[in-house]
Amino acid sequence: MRKYFILRFFALLILGLTVLNPSVADAETKIVFEEDGIWSRPISDEEMCVSLYKESPFELNLIADCVIAGTSLAGYITALVLKVTMDLPDFNGTLYDPNSVAAIDRWAMRPYNKVLDDLGTVTCALDLGLIPLVVYGGEFLMKNLPKKDGIAVTVMYLESVLLSQTIKDFMKISVLRARPYMYFSDYDASAIKYHDFEFSMPSGHTMNAFMSATFMTYTFCTYYPESKWRIPVIATSYAIALGTGALRMASGNHFFTDVLAGAGIGAACGFLVPFTHTFFGGLNKSLAGKTGKVDVEFAALPNGLNVSMRF
C-alpha cells in the first residue's frame, strides 16, 4: 500500500506547486485577460469565483489548522510505526471459512483479480488527484481563483487526506480483518509477506475516492454556487467513487461493509475539514467585527496549557 501513498503525495505536490506558483498573478478584482493568451476567454458572472467580489468562504485558522494537521500527522506516523513493529498474525496456509462471514458480506466475496485491483487504483487516483488538480489548478491558471483561496484549498485538502489516512490506518491495525480473497484459493500471494491480506477494514481506496468527491462537492459549490459545472463535477466525482468501491469488491480486496465504512469515513473527512474552516472563518470575522481585534495568548502551566482570548 506504500505505492498508493506515493501516488497520492505526488498528486498533491503538483496541486500545491500549481497553487503556490508565484509566476501566476493573484486575482483580487474582475478578471482581465490577455488577448492572445491561452486562457483568453470571458468568464460569465455565474462562473465567477465568489472570492473575486466578496470575502472568501474559507479561511485558514492557525489554531484549527495546527490541531487538525498536527494531530493527523502524528497519528499517521504512529500508525505507520505500529504497522511495522506490531507482531501481526501470520497466514498459516489454511484458507478462511466462508461460512464464518455474515450474510451482508458473503454475497460480494470474490477471488483475487489483479486487473480489477489495478483498475480500482486508477479510478481512485482520478478522484483523489486528477479531478482536484484539473478543476482548481485550471481555475487558478485562468485567474478565477485567488491565490489566497488556492492556498486554502490545498491546505484543507492535505488535512482531509491526512485525517482520513490516520483513521483508516488505525482501524486496519485494530480490526485485523482478512480480505475476501483469503477465502479462495486464488488469493494475492504478494500480500502475505507484509500482512496486507489482513487489512481489509475499511477500504482505503473507497475512502480516498469519497473523501475527494465530498471535498470537491462542498468546496466547488461554495466557491461557484451558480456554476453550470456543479452537477458535472459532483456527478463525475461520485460516479468514480462508486465505481472504485465496486471494483474493490469485484477484485476480491474488500467486503461490502469495508466499502461502506470507507465511504462513510471519507465523506465525513471531506466535509468536516472544509466545514471547520468555514465555521472558524465566520467566527473570526464575527469576533473581529465586534472589537476590531482578537488576541489569543498561550501560557504553559505546571498542570497543563492555558489559552486566553481578549476581544
Protein backbone atom coordinates (compact mmCIF):
# COMPACT_ATOMS: atom_id res chain seq x y z
CA MET A 1 0.00 0.00 0.00
CA ARG A 2 3.01 2.32 0.24
CA LYS A 3 2.99 2.82 -3.53
CA TYR A 4 -0.53 4.27 -3.26
CA PHE A 5 0.64 6.82 -0.70
CA ILE A 6 3.42 7.89 -3.07
CA LEU A 7 0.83 8.35 -5.82
CA ARG A 8 -1.36 10.48 -3.54
CA PHE A 9 1.59 12.55 -2.37
CA PHE A 10 2.74 13.21 -5.95
CA ALA A 11 -0.72 14.38 -6.99
CA LEU A 12 -1.00 16.70 -4.00
CA LEU A 13 2.51 18.06 -4.61
CA ILE A 14 1.59 19.01 -8.18
CA LEU A 15 -1.56 20.74 -6.93
CA GLY A 16 0.41 22.61 -4.29
CA LEU A 17 3.09 23.76 -6.72
CA THR A 18 0.41 24.92 -9.15
CA VAL A 19 -1.38 26.96 -6.50
CA LEU A 20 1.76 28.43 -4.96
CA ASN A 21 3.44 29.27 -8.25
CA PRO A 22 4.46 32.93 -7.88
CA SER A 23 4.56 33.45 -11.65
CA VAL A 24 0.78 33.33 -11.80
CA ALA A 25 -0.71 36.65 -10.74
CA ASP A 26 -3.26 36.80 -7.94
CA ALA A 27 -6.75 37.99 -8.81
CA GLU A 28 -8.50 40.33 -6.44
CA THR A 29 -10.97 42.00 -8.80
CA LYS A 30 -12.73 41.36 -12.10
CA ILE A 31 -10.56 39.25 -14.41
CA VAL A 32 -8.69 40.92 -17.26
CA PHE A 33 -7.37 38.53 -19.94
CA GLU A 34 -4.51 38.83 -22.37
CA GLU A 35 -5.86 39.00 -25.90
CA ASP A 36 -3.55 36.29 -27.22
CA GLY A 37 -3.24 34.20 -24.07
CA ILE A 38 -4.16 30.54 -23.96
CA TRP A 39 -6.80 31.32 -21.33
CA SER A 40 -8.11 34.41 -23.18
CA ARG A 41 -11.83 33.79 -22.95
CA PRO A 42 -14.52 35.63 -20.98
CA ILE A 43 -15.98 34.14 -17.79
CA SER A 44 -19.66 34.70 -17.16
CA ASP A 45 -20.91 36.10 -13.87
CA GLU A 46 -22.33 32.70 -12.95
CA GLU A 47 -18.91 31.07 -13.33
CA MET A 48 -17.01 33.70 -11.35
CA CYS A 49 -15.48 32.58 -8.06
CA VAL A 50 -17.29 34.27 -5.17
CA SER A 51 -13.93 35.29 -3.64
CA LEU A 52 -13.37 37.71 -6.52
CA TYR A 53 -16.19 40.01 -5.45
CA LYS A 54 -16.73 39.27 -1.75
CA GLU A 55 -14.98 37.70 1.24
CA SER A 56 -13.59 34.21 0.89
CA PRO A 57 -15.95 31.48 2.19
CA PHE A 58 -12.98 29.58 3.68
CA GLU A 59 -10.32 30.93 5.96
CA LEU A 60 -7.22 29.28 7.35
CA ASN A 61 -7.11 29.36 11.13
CA LEU A 62 -3.81 28.92 12.96
CA ILE A 63 -5.24 27.05 15.93
CA ALA A 64 -7.63 24.86 13.96
CA ASP A 65 -5.06 24.02 11.28
CA CYS A 66 -2.37 23.18 13.84
CA VAL A 67 -4.77 20.90 15.69
CA ILE A 68 -6.09 19.15 12.57
CA ALA A 69 -2.79 18.84 10.70
CA GLY A 70 -0.62 18.21 13.75
CA THR A 71 -2.88 15.58 15.29
CA SER A 72 -3.46 13.84 11.95
CA LEU A 73 0.23 13.79 11.04
CA ALA A 74 1.23 12.47 14.47
CA GLY A 75 -1.46 9.81 14.25
CA TYR A 76 -0.46 8.84 10.73
CA ILE A 77 3.19 8.41 11.69
CA THR A 78 2.20 6.46 14.80
CA ALA A 79 0.04 4.11 12.74
CA LEU A 80 2.88 3.51 10.29
CA VAL A 81 5.26 2.68 13.13
CA LEU A 82 2.73 0.29 14.65
CA LYS A 83 2.26 -1.46 11.32
CA VAL A 84 5.99 -2.16 11.17
CA THR A 85 6.57 -3.04 14.82
CA MET A 86 3.37 -4.93 15.75
CA ASP A 87 3.50 -8.70 15.99
CA LEU A 88 0.75 -9.38 13.47
CA PRO A 89 -0.72 -12.88 12.95
CA ASP A 90 0.88 -14.84 10.10
CA PHE A 91 -1.03 -16.74 7.45
CA ASN A 92 -0.68 -20.48 8.18
CA GLY A 93 -1.65 -21.62 4.70
CA THR A 94 -5.21 -22.62 5.59
CA LEU A 95 -7.95 -20.76 3.74
CA TYR A 96 -10.55 -18.96 5.81
CA ASP A 97 -14.06 -20.41 6.12
CA PRO A 98 -16.68 -18.52 4.05
CA ASN A 99 -19.42 -19.72 6.42
CA SER A 100 -17.92 -17.55 9.15
CA VAL A 101 -18.75 -14.41 7.13
CA ALA A 102 -22.02 -12.58 7.78
CA ALA A 103 -24.64 -12.72 5.04
CA ILE A 104 -24.37 -8.99 4.39
CA ASP A 105 -20.78 -9.56 3.21
CA ARG A 106 -20.90 -13.10 1.83
CA TRP A 107 -22.75 -12.17 -1.35
CA ALA A 108 -19.96 -9.87 -2.56
CA MET A 109 -16.98 -12.13 -1.82
CA ARG A 110 -14.71 -12.73 -4.82
CA PRO A 111 -11.30 -14.34 -5.50
CA TYR A 112 -8.40 -12.03 -6.27
CA ASN A 113 -8.35 -10.30 -9.67
CA LYS A 114 -5.24 -8.22 -10.36
CA VAL A 115 -6.68 -6.44 -13.39
CA LEU A 116 -9.67 -5.15 -11.41
CA ASP A 117 -7.35 -4.36 -8.49
CA ASP A 118 -5.20 -2.14 -10.70
CA LEU A 119 -8.26 -0.58 -12.32
CA GLY A 120 -9.60 0.34 -8.88
CA THR A 121 -6.31 2.05 -8.13
CA VAL A 122 -6.62 4.06 -11.35
CA THR A 123 -10.16 5.23 -10.58
CA CYS A 124 -9.10 6.15 -7.05
CA ALA A 125 -6.20 8.20 -8.43
CA LEU A 126 -8.59 10.01 -10.78
CA ASP A 127 -10.81 11.10 -7.91
CA LEU A 128 -8.02 11.77 -5.45
CA GLY A 129 -5.54 13.55 -7.69
CA LEU A 130 -6.65 14.35 -11.23
CA ILE A 131 -10.07 15.91 -10.65
CA PRO A 132 -8.97 18.36 -7.91
CA LEU A 133 -5.86 19.22 -9.92
CA VAL A 134 -7.74 19.86 -13.16
CA VAL A 135 -10.61 21.79 -11.54
CA TYR A 136 -8.75 24.02 -9.09
CA GLY A 137 -5.47 24.11 -10.99
CA GLY A 138 -7.37 25.18 -14.10
CA GLU A 139 -9.40 27.77 -12.22
CA PHE A 140 -6.24 29.22 -10.71
CA LEU A 141 -4.43 29.41 -14.04
CA MET A 142 -7.49 31.11 -15.52
CA LYS A 143 -7.24 33.65 -12.67
CA ASN A 144 -10.70 32.67 -11.49
CA LEU A 145 -9.40 31.53 -8.08
CA PRO A 146 -7.42 33.99 -5.94
CA LYS A 147 -4.06 32.84 -4.64
CA LYS A 148 -5.25 33.02 -1.04
CA ASP A 149 -8.08 30.63 -1.81
CA GLY A 150 -5.79 28.37 -3.81
CA ILE A 151 -3.58 28.03 -0.75
CA ALA A 152 -6.61 27.44 1.47
CA VAL A 153 -7.93 24.68 -0.80
CA THR A 154 -4.52 22.98 -0.86
CA VAL A 155 -4.14 23.11 2.93
CA MET A 156 -7.68 21.86 3.53
CA TYR A 157 -7.22 19.03 1.04
CA LEU A 158 -3.95 17.93 2.63
CA GLU A 159 -5.61 17.98 6.04
CA SER A 160 -8.52 15.90 4.72
CA VAL A 161 -6.13 13.33 3.28
CA LEU A 162 -4.07 13.13 6.48
CA LEU A 163 -7.13 12.86 8.72
CA SER A 164 -8.75 10.11 6.66
CA GLN A 165 -5.49 8.18 6.31
CA THR A 166 -4.93 8.28 10.07
CA ILE A 167 -8.42 6.95 10.83
CA LYS A 168 -8.08 4.27 8.16
CA ASP A 169 -4.69 3.01 9.33
CA PHE A 170 -5.71 2.81 12.98
CA MET A 171 -8.86 0.92 12.04
CA LYS A 172 -6.94 -1.55 9.87
CA ILE A 173 -4.44 -2.48 12.58
CA SER A 174 -7.18 -2.59 15.22
CA VAL A 175 -9.71 -4.73 13.36
CA LEU A 176 -7.26 -7.04 11.50
CA ARG A 177 -9.88 -8.43 9.13
CA ALA A 178 -8.75 -10.86 6.43
CA ARG A 179 -9.56 -9.81 2.89
CA PRO A 180 -12.24 -11.72 0.91
CA TYR A 181 -9.69 -13.31 -1.44
CA MET A 182 -8.23 -15.18 1.55
CA TYR A 183 -11.34 -17.37 1.47
CA PHE A 184 -10.45 -18.60 -2.04
CA SER A 185 -7.51 -20.48 -3.49
CA ASP A 186 -6.88 -17.57 -5.87
CA TYR A 187 -5.53 -15.05 -3.37
CA ASP A 188 -2.91 -12.33 -3.67
CA ALA A 189 0.30 -14.10 -2.66
CA SER A 190 2.25 -10.81 -2.59
CA ALA A 191 0.01 -9.54 0.23
CA ILE A 192 1.10 -12.28 2.62
CA LYS A 193 4.64 -11.06 3.26
CA TYR A 194 3.67 -7.60 4.55
CA HIS A 195 0.40 -8.70 6.20
CA ASP A 196 -1.67 -6.65 3.80
CA PHE A 197 -4.04 -9.61 3.50
CA GLU A 198 -5.48 -8.82 6.96
CA PHE A 199 -6.06 -5.10 6.44
CA SER A 200 -9.49 -5.35 4.84
CA MET A 201 -11.47 -2.99 7.09
CA PRO A 202 -12.01 -0.27 5.94
CA SER A 203 -11.47 0.14 2.20
CA GLY A 204 -8.76 2.77 1.78
CA HIS A 205 -9.33 3.25 -1.95
CA THR A 206 -13.05 3.83 -1.43
CA MET A 207 -12.34 6.16 1.47
CA ASN A 208 -9.94 8.27 -0.61
CA ALA A 209 -12.36 8.49 -3.52
CA PHE A 210 -15.34 9.51 -1.38
CA MET A 211 -13.24 11.96 0.63
CA SER A 212 -12.20 13.71 -2.57
CA ALA A 213 -15.71 13.59 -4.06
CA THR A 214 -17.25 15.12 -0.94
CA PHE A 215 -14.49 17.70 -0.60
CA MET A 216 -14.91 18.73 -4.23
CA THR A 217 -18.69 18.91 -3.88
CA TYR A 218 -18.59 21.07 -0.77
CA THR A 219 -15.84 23.45 -1.84
CA PHE A 220 -16.78 23.77 -5.52
CA CYS A 221 -20.44 24.51 -4.76
CA THR A 222 -19.31 27.07 -2.17
CA TYR A 223 -16.89 28.84 -4.50
CA TYR A 224 -19.14 28.61 -7.58
CA PRO A 225 -22.75 28.43 -6.30
CA GLU A 226 -24.28 29.38 -9.66
CA SER A 227 -21.92 27.44 -11.92
CA LYS A 228 -23.32 25.18 -14.62
CA TRP A 229 -20.41 22.83 -13.84
CA ARG A 230 -21.66 21.95 -10.35
CA ILE A 231 -23.67 18.92 -11.46
CA PRO A 232 -20.94 17.55 -13.78
CA VAL A 233 -18.29 17.93 -11.05
CA ILE A 234 -20.48 16.30 -8.39
CA ALA A 235 -21.77 13.52 -10.66
CA THR A 236 -18.34 12.68 -12.06
CA SER A 237 -16.65 12.65 -8.66
CA TYR A 238 -19.25 10.43 -7.01
CA ALA A 239 -19.64 8.15 -10.04
CA ILE A 240 -15.90 7.43 -9.95
CA ALA A 241 -16.05 6.96 -6.18
CA LEU A 242 -18.90 4.44 -6.51
CA GLY A 243 -17.00 2.69 -9.29
CA THR A 244 -13.93 2.49 -7.08
CA GLY A 245 -15.91 0.83 -4.30
CA ALA A 246 -17.44 -1.66 -6.74
CA LEU A 247 -14.03 -2.53 -8.17
CA ARG A 248 -12.58 -3.07 -4.69
CA MET A 249 -15.25 -5.69 -4.06
CA ALA A 250 -15.05 -7.23 -7.53
CA SER A 251 -11.27 -7.59 -7.24
CA GLY A 252 -11.63 -9.57 -4.00
CA ASN A 253 -9.93 -6.93 -1.86
CA HIS A 254 -12.87 -5.85 0.29
CA PHE A 255 -16.18 -6.89 1.76
CA PHE A 256 -19.31 -4.83 1.28
CA THR A 257 -19.10 -3.44 4.83
CA ASP A 258 -15.44 -2.47 4.22
CA VAL A 259 -16.57 -0.33 1.32
CA LEU A 260 -19.45 1.18 3.30
CA ALA A 261 -17.10 2.08 6.16
CA GLY A 262 -14.55 3.57 3.77
CA ALA A 263 -17.21 5.64 2.01
CA GLY A 264 -18.57 6.94 5.31
CA ILE A 265 -15.18 7.86 6.76
CA GLY A 266 -14.05 9.50 3.53
CA ALA A 267 -17.24 11.52 3.12
CA ALA A 268 -17.07 12.67 6.74
CA CYS A 269 -13.46 13.84 6.44
CA GLY A 270 -14.10 15.51 3.08
CA PHE A 271 -16.94 17.51 4.63
CA LEU A 272 -15.72 18.23 8.16
CA VAL A 273 -12.35 19.78 7.27
CA PRO A 274 -13.66 22.50 4.90
CA PHE A 275 -16.72 22.98 7.13
CA THR A 276 -14.39 23.68 10.05
CA HIS A 277 -12.64 26.37 8.02
CA THR A 278 -15.99 27.89 7.12
CA PHE A 279 -17.10 27.89 10.75
CA PHE A 280 -13.90 29.31 12.22
CA GLY A 281 -13.58 31.81 9.40
CA GLY A 282 -17.05 33.14 10.18
CA LEU A 283 -16.31 33.13 13.90
CA ASN A 284 -13.11 35.12 13.41
CA LYS A 285 -14.90 37.71 11.26
CA SER A 286 -17.73 37.98 13.78
CA LEU A 287 -15.41 38.47 16.74
CA ALA A 288 -13.13 40.85 14.88
CA GLY A 289 -16.13 42.85 13.70
CA LYS A 290 -17.23 43.49 17.27
CA THR A 291 -13.89 44.62 18.65
CA GLY A 292 -11.65 45.11 15.67
CA LYS A 293 -9.05 42.78 17.15
CA VAL A 294 -8.84 39.31 18.63
CA ASP A 295 -5.80 38.42 20.74
CA VAL A 296 -5.01 34.82 21.62
CA GLU A 297 -2.40 34.05 24.27
CA PHE A 298 -0.91 30.73 25.37
CA ALA A 299 0.70 30.14 28.75
CA ALA A 300 2.36 26.95 29.94
CA LEU A 301 1.26 25.89 33.44
CA PRO A 302 2.61 23.10 35.67
CA ASN A 303 -0.53 21.05 35.08
CA GLY A 304 -1.37 21.95 31.51
CA LEU A 305 -1.79 24.73 28.95
CA ASN A 306 -3.81 27.91 29.47
CA VAL A 307 -5.41 29.57 26.43
CA SER A 308 -6.86 33.06 26.83
CA MET A 309 -8.61 35.29 24.29
CA ARG A 310 -9.10 39.05 24.55
CA PHE A 311 -11.64 40.88 22.40
